[in-house]
Amino acid sequence: ELTYVRTEIEIRRRQIMRQRKEIQALQRAGIPTTSAEE
């Protein structure tokens, strides 16, 4: 359903923002980020 698809997009966009922040934190700590980037 269209409403479901739109909701999923918003949820996943928030997850993407969290993932990007996590990657930045890992990079600052000098930890490899290959799997997080994949």
Full PDB file with SEQRES, HELIX, SHEET, SSBOND, CRYST1, ORIGX, SCALE, CONECT and MASTER records, all heavy atoms in Angstrom:
SEQRES   1 A   38  GLU LEU THR TYR VAL ARG THR GLU ILE GLU ILE ARG ARG          
SEQRES   2 A   38  ARG GLN ILE MET ARG GLN ARG LYS GLU ILE GLN ALA LEU          
SEQRES   3 A   38  GLN ARG ALA GLY ILE PRO THR THR SER ALA GLU GLU              
HELIX    1 AA1 LEU A    2  ARG A   28  1                                  27    
HELIX    2 AA2 THR A   34  GLU A   37  1                                   4    
CRYST1    1.000    1.000    1.000  90.00  90.00  90.00 P 1           1          
ORIGX1      1.000000  0.000000  0.000000        0.00000                         
ORIGX2      0.000000  1.000000  0.000000        0.00000                         
ORIGX3      0.000000  0.000000  1.000000        0.00000                         
SCALE1      1.000000  0.000000  0.000000        0.00000                         
SCALE2      0.000000  1.000000  0.000000        0.00000                         
SCALE3      0.000000  0.000000  1.000000        0.00000                         
ATOM      1  N   GLU A   1       0.834  -1.187   0.000  1.00  0.00           N  
ATOM      2  CA  GLU A   1       0.000   0.000   0.000  1.00  0.00           C  
ATOM      3  C   GLU A   1       0.880   1.253   0.000  1.00  0.00           C  
ATOM      4  O   GLU A   1       1.958   1.274   0.588  1.00  0.00           O  
ATOM      5  CB  GLU A   1      -0.885  -0.013   1.240  1.00  0.00           C  
ATOM      6  CG  GLU A   1      -1.932   1.066   1.241  1.00  0.00           C  
ATOM      7  CD  GLU A   1      -2.838   0.968   2.452  1.00  0.00           C  
ATOM      8  OE1 GLU A   1      -3.189  -0.163   2.832  1.00  0.00           O  
ATOM      9  OE2 GLU A   1      -3.165   2.024   2.990  1.00  0.00           O  
ATOM     10  N   LEU A   2       0.418   2.293  -0.655  1.00  0.00           N  
ATOM     11  CA  LEU A   2       1.179   3.527  -0.796  1.00  0.00           C  
ATOM     12  C   LEU A   2       1.566   4.119   0.559  1.00  0.00           C  
ATOM     13  O   LEU A   2       2.710   4.538   0.757  1.00  0.00           O  
ATOM     14  CB  LEU A   2       0.398   4.537  -1.630  1.00  0.00           C  
ATOM     15  CG  LEU A   2       1.103   5.849  -1.952  1.00  0.00           C  
ATOM     16  CD1 LEU A   2       2.421   5.609  -2.674  1.00  0.00           C  
ATOM     17  CD2 LEU A   2       0.197   6.738  -2.781  1.00  0.00           C  
ATOM     18  N   THR A   3       0.650   4.130   1.502  1.00  0.00           N  
ATOM     19  CA  THR A   3       0.943   4.673   2.830  1.00  0.00           C  
ATOM     20  C   THR A   3       2.061   3.884   3.499  1.00  0.00           C  
ATOM     21  O   THR A   3       2.962   4.466   4.113  1.00  0.00           O  
ATOM     22  CB  THR A   3      -0.326   4.636   3.711  1.00  0.00           C  
ATOM     23  OG1 THR A   3      -1.363   5.320   3.032  1.00  0.00           O  
ATOM     24  CG2 THR A   3      -0.084   5.268   5.061  1.00  0.00           C  
ATOM     25  N   TYR A   4       2.021   2.572   3.356  1.00  0.00           N  
ATOM     26  CA  TYR A   4       3.061   1.718   3.928  1.00  0.00           C  
ATOM     27  C   TYR A   4       4.419   2.028   3.303  1.00  0.00           C  
ATOM     28  O   TYR A   4       5.428   2.137   4.014  1.00  0.00           O  
ATOM     29  CB  TYR A   4       2.704   0.243   3.725  1.00  0.00           C  
ATOM     30  CG  TYR A   4       3.806  -0.697   4.125  1.00  0.00           C  
ATOM     31  CD1 TYR A   4       4.030  -1.005   5.453  1.00  0.00           C  
ATOM     32  CD2 TYR A   4       4.648  -1.254   3.160  1.00  0.00           C  
ATOM     33  CE1 TYR A   4       5.061  -1.862   5.829  1.00  0.00           C  
ATOM     34  CE2 TYR A   4       5.674  -2.108   3.525  1.00  0.00           C  
ATOM     35  CZ  TYR A   4       5.877  -2.408   4.863  1.00  0.00           C  
ATOM     36  OH  TYR A   4       6.900  -3.241   5.226  1.00  0.00           O  
ATOM     37  N   VAL A   5       4.456   2.173   1.999  1.00  0.00           N  
ATOM     38  CA  VAL A   5       5.709   2.445   1.295  1.00  0.00           C  
ATOM     39  C   VAL A   5       6.294   3.780   1.770  1.00  0.00           C  
ATOM     40  O   VAL A   5       7.478   3.877   2.059  1.00  0.00           O  
ATOM     41  CB  VAL A   5       5.507   2.443  -0.232  1.00  0.00           C  
ATOM     42  CG1 VAL A   5       6.757   2.898  -0.957  1.00  0.00           C  
ATOM     43  CG2 VAL A   5       5.093   1.065  -0.710  1.00  0.00           C  
ATOM     44  N   ARG A   6       5.442   4.793   1.872  1.00  0.00           N  
ATOM     45  CA  ARG A   6       5.914   6.106   2.327  1.00  0.00           C  
ATOM     46  C   ARG A   6       6.449   6.047   3.750  1.00  0.00           C  
ATOM     47  O   ARG A   6       7.483   6.653   4.057  1.00  0.00           O  
ATOM     48  CB  ARG A   6       4.790   7.125   2.216  1.00  0.00           C  
ATOM     49  CG  ARG A   6       4.504   7.522   0.792  1.00  0.00           C  
ATOM     50  CD  ARG A   6       3.386   8.527   0.700  1.00  0.00           C  
ATOM     51  NE  ARG A   6       3.292   9.067  -0.646  1.00  0.00           N  
ATOM     52  CZ  ARG A   6       2.204   9.583  -1.153  1.00  0.00           C  
ATOM     53  NH1 ARG A   6       1.092   9.655  -0.421  1.00  0.00           N  
ATOM     54  NH2 ARG A   6       2.197  10.050  -2.383  1.00  0.00           N  
ATOM     55  N   THR A   7       5.778   5.300   4.607  1.00  0.00           N  
ATOM     56  CA  THR A   7       6.239   5.150   5.989  1.00  0.00           C  
ATOM     57  C   THR A   7       7.577   4.436   6.031  1.00  0.00           C  
ATOM     58  O   THR A   7       8.489   4.846   6.769  1.00  0.00           O  
ATOM     59  CB  THR A   7       5.190   4.376   6.815  1.00  0.00           C  
ATOM     60  OG1 THR A   7       3.942   5.074   6.752  1.00  0.00           O  
ATOM     61  CG2 THR A   7       5.614   4.228   8.254  1.00  0.00           C  
ATOM     62  N   GLU A   8       7.717   3.384   5.260  1.00  0.00           N  
ATOM     63  CA  GLU A   8       8.976   2.642   5.206  1.00  0.00           C  
ATOM     64  C   GLU A   8      10.129   3.525   4.732  1.00  0.00           C  
ATOM     65  O   GLU A   8      11.236   3.438   5.249  1.00  0.00           O  
ATOM     66  CB  GLU A   8       8.848   1.424   4.283  1.00  0.00           C  
ATOM     67  CG  GLU A   8       8.233   0.228   4.927  1.00  0.00           C  
ATOM     68  CD  GLU A   8       9.056  -0.311   6.082  1.00  0.00           C  
ATOM     69  OE1 GLU A   8      10.242  -0.628   5.905  1.00  0.00           O  
ATOM     70  OE2 GLU A   8       8.499  -0.396   7.185  1.00  0.00           O  
ATOM     71  N   ILE A   9       9.865   4.359   3.751  1.00  0.00           N  
ATOM     72  CA  ILE A   9      10.904   5.262   3.244  1.00  0.00           C  
ATOM     73  C   ILE A   9      11.380   6.176   4.367  1.00  0.00           C  
ATOM     74  O   ILE A   9      12.587   6.346   4.570  1.00  0.00           O  
ATOM     75  CB  ILE A   9      10.390   6.075   2.040  1.00  0.00           C  
ATOM     76  CG1 ILE A   9      10.217   5.169   0.820  1.00  0.00           C  
ATOM     77  CG2 ILE A   9      11.351   7.226   1.712  1.00  0.00           C  
ATOM     78  CD1 ILE A   9       9.479   5.815  -0.338  1.00  0.00           C  
ATOM     79  N   GLU A  10      10.455   6.755   5.106  1.00  0.00           N  
ATOM     80  CA  GLU A  10      10.828   7.664   6.192  1.00  0.00           C  
ATOM     81  C   GLU A  10      11.596   6.949   7.288  1.00  0.00           C  
ATOM     82  O   GLU A  10      12.600   7.463   7.790  1.00  0.00           O  
ATOM     83  CB  GLU A  10       9.583   8.347   6.770  1.00  0.00           C  
ATOM     84  CG  GLU A  10       8.979   9.358   5.827  1.00  0.00           C  
ATOM     85  CD  GLU A  10       9.987  10.392   5.339  1.00  0.00           C  
ATOM     86  OE1 GLU A  10      10.711  10.969   6.167  1.00  0.00           O  
ATOM     87  OE2 GLU A  10      10.052  10.622   4.119  1.00  0.00           O  
ATOM     88  N   ILE A  11      11.151   5.756   7.657  1.00  0.00           N  
ATOM     89  CA  ILE A  11      11.847   4.983   8.689  1.00  0.00           C  
ATOM     90  C   ILE A  11      13.262   4.673   8.245  1.00  0.00           C  
ATOM     91  O   ILE A  11      14.235   4.843   8.993  1.00  0.00           O  
ATOM     92  CB  ILE A  11      11.074   3.684   9.001  1.00  0.00           C  
ATOM     93  CG1 ILE A  11       9.780   4.011   9.735  1.00  0.00           C  
ATOM     94  CG2 ILE A  11      11.933   2.707   9.802  1.00  0.00           C  
ATOM     95  CD1 ILE A  11       8.821   2.840   9.860  1.00  0.00           C  
ATOM     96  N   ARG A  12      13.402   4.225   7.027  1.00  0.00           N  
ATOM     97  CA  ARG A  12      14.731   3.848   6.526  1.00  0.00           C  
ATOM     98  C   ARG A  12      15.648   5.057   6.349  1.00  0.00           C  
ATOM     99  O   ARG A  12      16.856   4.955   6.535  1.00  0.00           O  
ATOM    100  CB  ARG A  12      14.596   3.043   5.246  1.00  0.00           C  
ATOM    101  CG  ARG A  12      14.016   1.662   5.543  1.00  0.00           C  
ATOM    102  CD  ARG A  12      13.707   0.889   4.294  1.00  0.00           C  
ATOM    103  NE  ARG A  12      12.972  -0.309   4.590  1.00  0.00           N  
ATOM    104  CZ  ARG A  12      13.532  -1.525   4.644  1.00  0.00           C  
ATOM    105  NH1 ARG A  12      14.810  -1.677   4.420  1.00  0.00           N  
ATOM    106  NH2 ARG A  12      12.784  -2.578   4.908  1.00  0.00           N  
ATOM    107  N   ARG A  13      15.090   6.202   6.019  1.00  0.00           N  
ATOM    108  CA  ARG A  13      15.919   7.402   5.917  1.00  0.00           C  
ATOM    109  C   ARG A  13      16.487   7.784   7.276  1.00  0.00           C  
ATOM    110  O   ARG A  13      17.633   8.215   7.385  1.00  0.00           O  
ATOM    111  CB  ARG A  13      15.124   8.551   5.308  1.00  0.00           C  
ATOM    112  CG  ARG A  13      14.958   8.402   3.811  1.00  0.00           C  
ATOM    113  CD  ARG A  13      14.226   9.555   3.199  1.00  0.00           C  
ATOM    114  NE  ARG A  13      14.200   9.424   1.740  1.00  0.00           N  
ATOM    115  CZ  ARG A  13      13.368  10.067   0.959  1.00  0.00           C  
ATOM    116  NH1 ARG A  13      12.480  10.903   1.466  1.00  0.00           N  
ATOM    117  NH2 ARG A  13      13.406   9.882  -0.348  1.00  0.00           N  
ATOM    118  N   ARG A  14      15.668   7.627   8.332  1.00  0.00           N  
ATOM    119  CA  ARG A  14      16.181   7.882   9.687  1.00  0.00           C  
ATOM    120  C   ARG A  14      17.280   6.889  10.043  1.00  0.00           C  
ATOM    121  O   ARG A  14      18.294   7.249  10.640  1.00  0.00           O  
ATOM    122  CB  ARG A  14      15.047   7.806  10.708  1.00  0.00           C  
ATOM    123  CG  ARG A  14      14.244   9.075  10.754  1.00  0.00           C  
ATOM    124  CD  ARG A  14      13.230   9.050  11.892  1.00  0.00           C  
ATOM    125  NE  ARG A  14      11.930   9.308  11.287  1.00  0.00           N  
ATOM    126  CZ  ARG A  14      10.907   8.479  11.247  1.00  0.00           C  
ATOM    127  NH1 ARG A  14      10.978   7.313  11.839  1.00  0.00           N  
ATOM    128  NH2 ARG A  14       9.791   8.806  10.650  1.00  0.00           N  
ATOM    129  N   GLN A  15      17.103   5.623   9.668  1.00  0.00           N  
ATOM    130  CA  GLN A  15      18.131   4.613   9.920  1.00  0.00           C  
ATOM    131  C   GLN A  15      19.421   4.952   9.179  1.00  0.00           C  
ATOM    132  O   GLN A  15      20.523   4.758   9.710  1.00  0.00           O  
ATOM    133  CB  GLN A  15      17.641   3.229   9.491  1.00  0.00           C  
ATOM    134  CG  GLN A  15      16.549   2.671  10.362  1.00  0.00           C  
ATOM    135  CD  GLN A  15      15.972   1.364   9.809  1.00  0.00           C  
ATOM    136  OE1 GLN A  15      16.065   1.092   8.607  1.00  0.00           O  
ATOM    137  NE2 GLN A  15      15.370   0.588  10.679  1.00  0.00           N  
ATOM    138  N   ILE A  16      19.292   5.461   7.973  1.00  0.00           N  
ATOM    139  CA  ILE A  16      20.463   5.845   7.181  1.00  0.00           C  
ATOM    140  C   ILE A  16      21.215   6.982   7.875  1.00  0.00           C  
ATOM    141  O   ILE A  16      22.449   6.969   7.944  1.00  0.00           O  
ATOM    142  CB  ILE A  16      20.043   6.231   5.747  1.00  0.00           C  
ATOM    143  CG1 ILE A  16      19.666   4.966   4.960  1.00  0.00           C  
ATOM    144  CG2 ILE A  16      21.135   7.017   5.035  1.00  0.00           C  
ATOM    145  CD1 ILE A  16      18.992   5.226   3.638  1.00  0.00           C  
ATOM    146  N   MET A  17      20.482   7.956   8.398  1.00  0.00           N  
ATOM    147  CA  MET A  17      21.147   9.059   9.108  1.00  0.00           C  
ATOM    148  C   MET A  17      21.910   8.531  10.321  1.00  0.00           C  
ATOM    149  O   MET A  17      23.051   8.936  10.565  1.00  0.00           O  
ATOM    150  CB  MET A  17      20.118  10.115   9.532  1.00  0.00           C  
ATOM    151  CG  MET A  17      19.603  10.913   8.357  1.00  0.00           C  
ATOM    152  SD  MET A  17      18.466  12.296   8.686  1.00  0.00           S  
ATOM    153  CE  MET A  17      17.990  12.157  10.357  1.00  0.00           C  
ATOM    154  N   ARG A  18      21.307   7.605  11.065  1.00  0.00           N  
ATOM    155  CA  ARG A  18      21.999   7.021  12.219  1.00  0.00           C  
ATOM    156  C   ARG A  18      23.232   6.246  11.778  1.00  0.00           C  
ATOM    157  O   ARG A  18      24.287   6.316  12.421  1.00  0.00           O  
ATOM    158  CB  ARG A  18      21.054   6.114  13.005  1.00  0.00           C  
ATOM    159  CG  ARG A  18      20.047   6.871  13.838  1.00  0.00           C  
ATOM    160  CD  ARG A  18      19.359   5.980  14.855  1.00  0.00           C  
ATOM    161  NE  ARG A  18      18.610   4.884  14.254  1.00  0.00           N  
ATOM    162  CZ  ARG A  18      17.330   4.943  13.915  1.00  0.00           C  
ATOM    163  NH1 ARG A  18      16.640   6.042  14.110  1.00  0.00           N  
ATOM    164  NH2 ARG A  18      16.735   3.898  13.390  1.00  0.00           N  
ATOM    165  N   GLN A  19      23.111   5.521  10.678  1.00  0.00           N  
ATOM    166  CA  GLN A  19      24.242   4.739  10.177  1.00  0.00           C  
ATOM    167  C   GLN A  19      25.390   5.655   9.761  1.00  0.00           C  
ATOM    168  O   GLN A  19      26.558   5.368  10.041  1.00  0.00           O  
ATOM    169  CB  GLN A  19      23.797   3.861   9.005  1.00  0.00           C  
ATOM    170  CG  GLN A  19      24.869   2.947   8.457  1.00  0.00           C  
ATOM    171  CD  GLN A  19      25.235   1.826   9.407  1.00  0.00           C  
ATOM    172  OE1 GLN A  19      24.554   1.573  10.396  1.00  0.00           O  
ATOM    173  NE2 GLN A  19      26.317   1.142   9.107  1.00  0.00           N  
ATOM    174  N   ARG A  20      25.077   6.762   9.116  1.00  0.00           N  
ATOM    175  CA  ARG A  20      26.118   7.706   8.708  1.00  0.00           C  
ATOM    176  C   ARG A  20      26.840   8.288   9.928  1.00  0.00           C  
ATOM    177  O   ARG A  20      28.056   8.444   9.924  1.00  0.00           O  
ATOM    178  CB  ARG A  20      25.518   8.821   7.858  1.00  0.00           C  
ATOM    179  CG  ARG A  20      25.200   8.383   6.457  1.00  0.00           C  
ATOM    180  CD  ARG A  20      24.692   9.518   5.606  1.00  0.00           C  
ATOM    181  NE  ARG A  20      24.613   9.108   4.214  1.00  0.00           N  
ATOM    182  CZ  ARG A  20      23.660   9.458   3.387  1.00  0.00           C  
ATOM    183  NH1 ARG A  20      22.684  10.244   3.783  1.00  0.00           N  
ATOM    184  NH2 ARG A  20      23.660   9.031   2.139  1.00  0.00           N  
ATOM    185  N   LYS A  21      26.071   8.612  10.970  1.00  0.00           N  
ATOM    186  CA  LYS A  21      26.675   9.125  12.201  1.00  0.00           C  
ATOM    187  C   LYS A  21      27.574   8.078  12.847  1.00  0.00           C  
ATOM    188  O   LYS A  21      28.654   8.396  13.348  1.00  0.00           O  
ATOM    189  CB  LYS A  21      25.593   9.566  13.186  1.00  0.00           C  
ATOM    190  CG  LYS A  21      24.892  10.830  12.760  1.00  0.00           C  
ATOM    191  CD  LYS A  21      23.800  11.204  13.737  1.00  0.00           C  
ATOM    192  CE  LYS A  21      23.018  12.418  13.242  1.00  0.00           C  
ATOM    193  NZ  LYS A  21      21.918  12.759  14.146  1.00  0.00           N  
ATOM    194  N   GLU A  22      27.130   6.830  12.812  1.00  0.00           N  
ATOM    195  CA  GLU A  22      27.925   5.747  13.371  1.00  0.00           C  
ATOM    196  C   GLU A  22      29.233   5.585  12.591  1.00  0.00           C  
ATOM    197  O   GLU A  22      30.298   5.386  13.177  1.00  0.00           O  
ATOM    198  CB  GLU A  22      27.133   4.443  13.343  1.00  0.00           C  
ATOM    199  CG  GLU A  22      27.855   3.297  14.010  1.00  0.00           C  
ATOM    200  CD  GLU A  22      27.026   2.031  14.039  1.00  0.00           C  
ATOM    201  OE1 GLU A  22      25.818   2.117  14.292  1.00  0.00           O  
ATOM    202  OE2 GLU A  22      27.611   0.957  13.797  1.00  0.00           O  
ATOM    203  N   ILE A  23      29.155   5.678  11.275  1.00  0.00           N  
ATOM    204  CA  ILE A  23      30.362   5.574  10.445  1.00  0.00           C  
ATOM    205  C   ILE A  23      31.333   6.698  10.793  1.00  0.00           C  
ATOM    206  O   ILE A  23      32.538   6.471  10.931  1.00  0.00           O  
ATOM    207  CB  ILE A  23      29.999   5.583   8.944  1.00  0.00           C  
ATOM    208  CG1 ILE A  23      29.314   4.261   8.563  1.00  0.00           C  
ATOM    209  CG2 ILE A  23      31.234   5.810   8.075  1.00  0.00           C  
ATOM    210  CD1 ILE A  23      28.715   4.241   7.175  1.00  0.00           C  
ATOM    211  N   GLN A  24      30.817   7.907  10.958  1.00  0.00           N  
ATOM    212  CA  GLN A  24      31.677   9.028  11.325  1.00  0.00           C  
ATOM    213  C   GLN A  24      32.349   8.788  12.674  1.00  0.00           C  
ATOM    214  O   GLN A  24      33.539   9.068  12.845  1.00  0.00           O  
ATOM    215  CB  GLN A  24      30.884  10.330  11.363  1.00  0.00           C  
ATOM    216  CG  GLN A  24      30.467  10.821   9.999  1.00  0.00           C  
ATOM    217  CD  GLN A  24      29.560  12.044  10.073  1.00  0.00           C  
ATOM    218  OE1 GLN A  24      28.995  12.356  11.111  1.00  0.00           O  
ATOM    219  NE2 GLN A  24      29.420  12.733   8.949  1.00  0.00           N  
ATOM    220  N   ALA A  25      31.607   8.265  13.630  1.00  0.00           N  
ATOM    221  CA  ALA A  25      32.175   7.982  14.952  1.00  0.00           C  
ATOM    222  C   ALA A  25      33.261   6.916  14.846  1.00  0.00           C  
ATOM    223  O   ALA A  25      34.319   7.038  15.496  1.00  0.00           O  
ATOM    224  CB  ALA A  25      31.073   7.534  15.912  1.00  0.00           C  
ATOM    225  N   LEU A  26      33.015   5.900  14.053  1.00  0.00           N  
ATOM    226  CA  LEU A  26      34.021   4.855  13.866  1.00  0.00           C  
ATOM    227  C   LEU A  26      35.282   5.422  13.210  1.00  0.00           C  
ATOM    228  O   LEU A  26      36.408   5.085  13.596  1.00  0.00           O  
ATOM    229  CB  LEU A  26      33.450   3.714  13.010  1.00  0.00           C  
ATOM    230  CG  LEU A  26      32.370   2.849  13.656  1.00  0.00           C  
ATOM    231  CD1 LEU A  26      31.744   1.925  12.621  1.00  0.00           C  
ATOM    232  CD2 LEU A  26      32.932   2.050  14.816  1.00  0.00           C  
ATOM    233  N   GLN A  27      35.099   6.286  12.223  1.00  0.00           N  
ATOM    234  CA  GLN A  27      36.242   6.890  11.544  1.00  0.00           C  
ATOM    235  C   GLN A  27      37.056   7.743  12.505  1.00  0.00           C  
ATOM    236  O   GLN A  27      38.288   7.721  12.483  1.00  0.00           O  
ATOM    237  CB  GLN A  27      35.778   7.716  10.345  1.00  0.00           C  
ATOM    238  CG  GLN A  27      35.290   6.864   9.199  1.00  0.00           C  
ATOM    239  CD  GLN A  27      34.623   7.663   8.097  1.00  0.00           C  
ATOM    240  OE1 GLN A  27      34.127   8.774   8.326  1.00  0.00           O  
ATOM    241  NE2 GLN A  27      34.585   7.097   6.896  1.00  0.00           N  
ATOM    242  N   ARG A  28      36.378   8.509  13.348  1.00  0.00           N  
ATOM    243  CA  ARG A  28      37.088   9.333  14.340  1.00  0.00           C  
ATOM    244  C   ARG A  28      37.876   8.472  15.313  1.00  0.00           C  
ATOM    245  O   ARG A  28      38.945   8.858  15.766  1.00  0.00           O  
ATOM    246  CB  ARG A  28      36.106  10.223  15.106  1.00  0.00           C  
ATOM    247  CG  ARG A  28      35.664  11.442  14.335  1.00  0.00           C  
ATOM    248  CD  ARG A  28      34.956  12.437  15.231  1.00  0.00           C  
ATOM    249  NE  ARG A  28      33.701  11.916  15.753  1.00  0.00           N  
ATOM    250  CZ  ARG A  28      32.508  12.059  15.183  1.00  0.00           C  
ATOM    251  NH1 ARG A  28      32.400  12.726  14.055  1.00  0.00           N  
ATOM    252  NH2 ARG A  28      31.430  11.544  15.732  1.00  0.00           N  
ATOM    253  N   ALA A  29      37.344   7.290  15.618  1.00  0.00           N  
ATOM    254  CA  ALA A  29      38.015   6.381  16.544  1.00  0.00           C  
ATOM    255  C   ALA A  29      39.096   5.555  15.856  1.00  0.00           C  
ATOM    256  O   ALA A  29      39.808   4.799  16.516  1.00  0.00           O  
ATOM    257  CB  ALA A  29      36.988   5.453  17.182  1.00  0.00           C  
ATOM    258  N   GLY A  30      39.209   5.703  14.542  1.00  0.00           N  
ATOM    259  CA  GLY A  30      40.228   4.968  13.803  1.00  0.00           C  
ATOM    260  C   GLY A  30      39.872   3.511  13.554  1.00  0.00           C  
ATOM    261  O   GLY A  30      40.745   2.682  13.309  1.00  0.00           O  
ATOM    262  N   ILE A  31      38.607   3.186  13.613  1.00  0.00           N  
ATOM    263  CA  ILE A  31      38.138   1.816  13.402  1.00  0.00           C  
ATOM    264  C   ILE A  31      37.714   1.665  11.937  1.00  0.00           C  
ATOM    265  O   ILE A  31      37.052   2.551  11.391  1.00  0.00           O  
ATOM    266  CB  ILE A  31      36.949   1.515  14.342  1.00  0.00           C  
ATOM    267  CG1 ILE A  31      37.402   1.643  15.799  1.00  0.00           C  
ATOM    268  CG2 ILE A  31      36.363   0.131  14.072  1.00  0.00           C  
ATOM    269  CD1 ILE A  31      36.275   1.582  16.805  1.00  0.00           C  
ATOM    270  N   PRO A  32      38.090   0.561  11.296  1.00  0.00           N  
ATOM    271  CA  PRO A  32      37.694   0.343   9.901  1.00  0.00           C  
ATOM    272  C   PRO A  32      36.168   0.373   9.733  1.00  0.00           C  
ATOM    273  O   PRO A  32      35.436  -0.147  10.573  1.00  0.00           O  
ATOM    274  CB  PRO A  32      38.242  -1.043   9.567  1.00  0.00           C  
ATOM    275  CG  PRO A  32      39.308  -1.295  10.579  1.00  0.00           C  
ATOM    276  CD  PRO A  32      38.905  -0.537  11.808  1.00  0.00           C  
ATOM    277  N   THR A  33      35.712   0.976   8.651  1.00  0.00           N  
ATOM    278  CA  THR A  33      34.274   1.166   8.429  1.00  0.00           C  
ATOM    279  C   THR A  33      33.756   0.446   7.192  1.00  0.00           C  
ATOM    280  O   THR A  33      32.623   0.696   6.777  1.00  0.00           O  
ATOM    281  CB  THR A  33      33.968   2.673   8.285  1.00  0.00           C  
ATOM    282  OG1 THR A  33      34.734   3.199   7.203  1.00  0.00           O  
ATOM    283  CG2 THR A  33      34.287   3.425   9.554  1.00  0.00           C  
ATOM    284  N   THR A  34      34.542  -0.448   6.643  1.00  0.00           N  
ATOM    285  CA  THR A  34      34.160  -1.113   5.395  1.00  0.00           C  
ATOM    286  C   THR A  34      32.799  -1.798   5.499  1.00  0.00           C  
ATOM    287  O   THR A  34      31.930  -1.586   4.653  1.00  0.00           O  
ATOM    288  CB  THR A  34      35.225  -2.137   4.977  1.00  0.00           C  
ATOM    289  OG1 THR A  34      36.483  -1.477   4.914  1.00  0.00           O  
ATOM    290  CG2 THR A  34      34.902  -2.751   3.631  1.00  0.00           C  
ATOM    291  N   SER A  35      32.598  -2.599   6.529  1.00  0.00           N  
ATOM    292  CA  SER A  35      31.332  -3.333   6.641  1.00  0.00           C  
ATOM    293  C   SER A  35      30.175  -2.375   6.906  1.00  0.00           C  
ATOM    294  O   SER A  35      29.065  -2.575   6.387  1.00  0.00           O  
ATOM    295  CB  SER A  35      31.404  -4.400   7.734  1.00  0.00           C  
ATOM    296  OG  SER A  35      31.638  -3.792   8.985  1.00  0.00           O  
ATOM    297  N   ALA A  36      30.399  -1.319   7.678  1.00  0.00           N  
ATOM    298  CA  ALA A  36      29.355  -0.333   7.946  1.00  0.00           C  
ATOM    299  C   ALA A  36      28.991   0.412   6.668  1.00  0.00           C  
ATOM    300  O   ALA A  36      27.818   0.717   6.425  1.00  0.00           O  
ATOM    301  CB  ALA A  36      29.805   0.641   9.028  1.00  0.00           C  
ATOM    302  N   GLU A  37      29.982   0.700   5.830  1.00  0.00           N  
ATOM    303  CA  GLU A  37      29.725   1.385   4.561  1.00  0.00           C  
ATOM    304  C   GLU A  37      28.980   0.479   3.586  1.00  0.00           C  
ATOM    305  O   GLU A  37      28.127   0.946   2.820  1.00  0.00           O  
ATOM    306  CB  GLU A  37      31.028   1.890   3.968  1.00  0.00           C  
ATOM    307  CG  GLU A  37      31.613   3.052   4.775  1.00  0.00           C  
ATOM    308  CD  GLU A  37      33.011   3.449   4.343  1.00  0.00           C  
ATOM    309  OE1 GLU A  37      33.601   2.772   3.478  1.00  0.00           O  
ATOM    310  OE2 GLU A  37      33.508   4.438   4.890  1.00  0.00           O  
ATOM    311  N   GLU A  38      29.294  -0.826   3.614  1.00  0.00           N  
ATOM    312  CA  GLU A  38      28.560  -1.772   2.765  1.00  0.00           C  
ATOM    313  C   GLU A  38      27.096  -1.863   3.192  1.00  0.00           C  
ATOM    314  O   GLU A  38      26.196  -1.907   2.355  1.00  0.00           O  
ATOM    315  CB  GLU A  38      29.220  -3.148   2.816  1.00  0.00           C  
ATOM    316  CG  GLU A  38      30.564  -3.189   2.115  1.00  0.00           C  
ATOM    317  CD  GLU A  38      31.324  -4.483   2.355  1.00  0.00           C  
ATOM    318  OE1 GLU A  38      30.869  -5.328   3.169  1.00  0.00           O  
ATOM    319  OE2 GLU A  38      32.382  -4.652   1.741  1.00  0.00           O  
TER     320      GLU A  38                                                      
MASTER        0    0    0    2    0    0    0    6  319    1    0    3          
END                                                                             
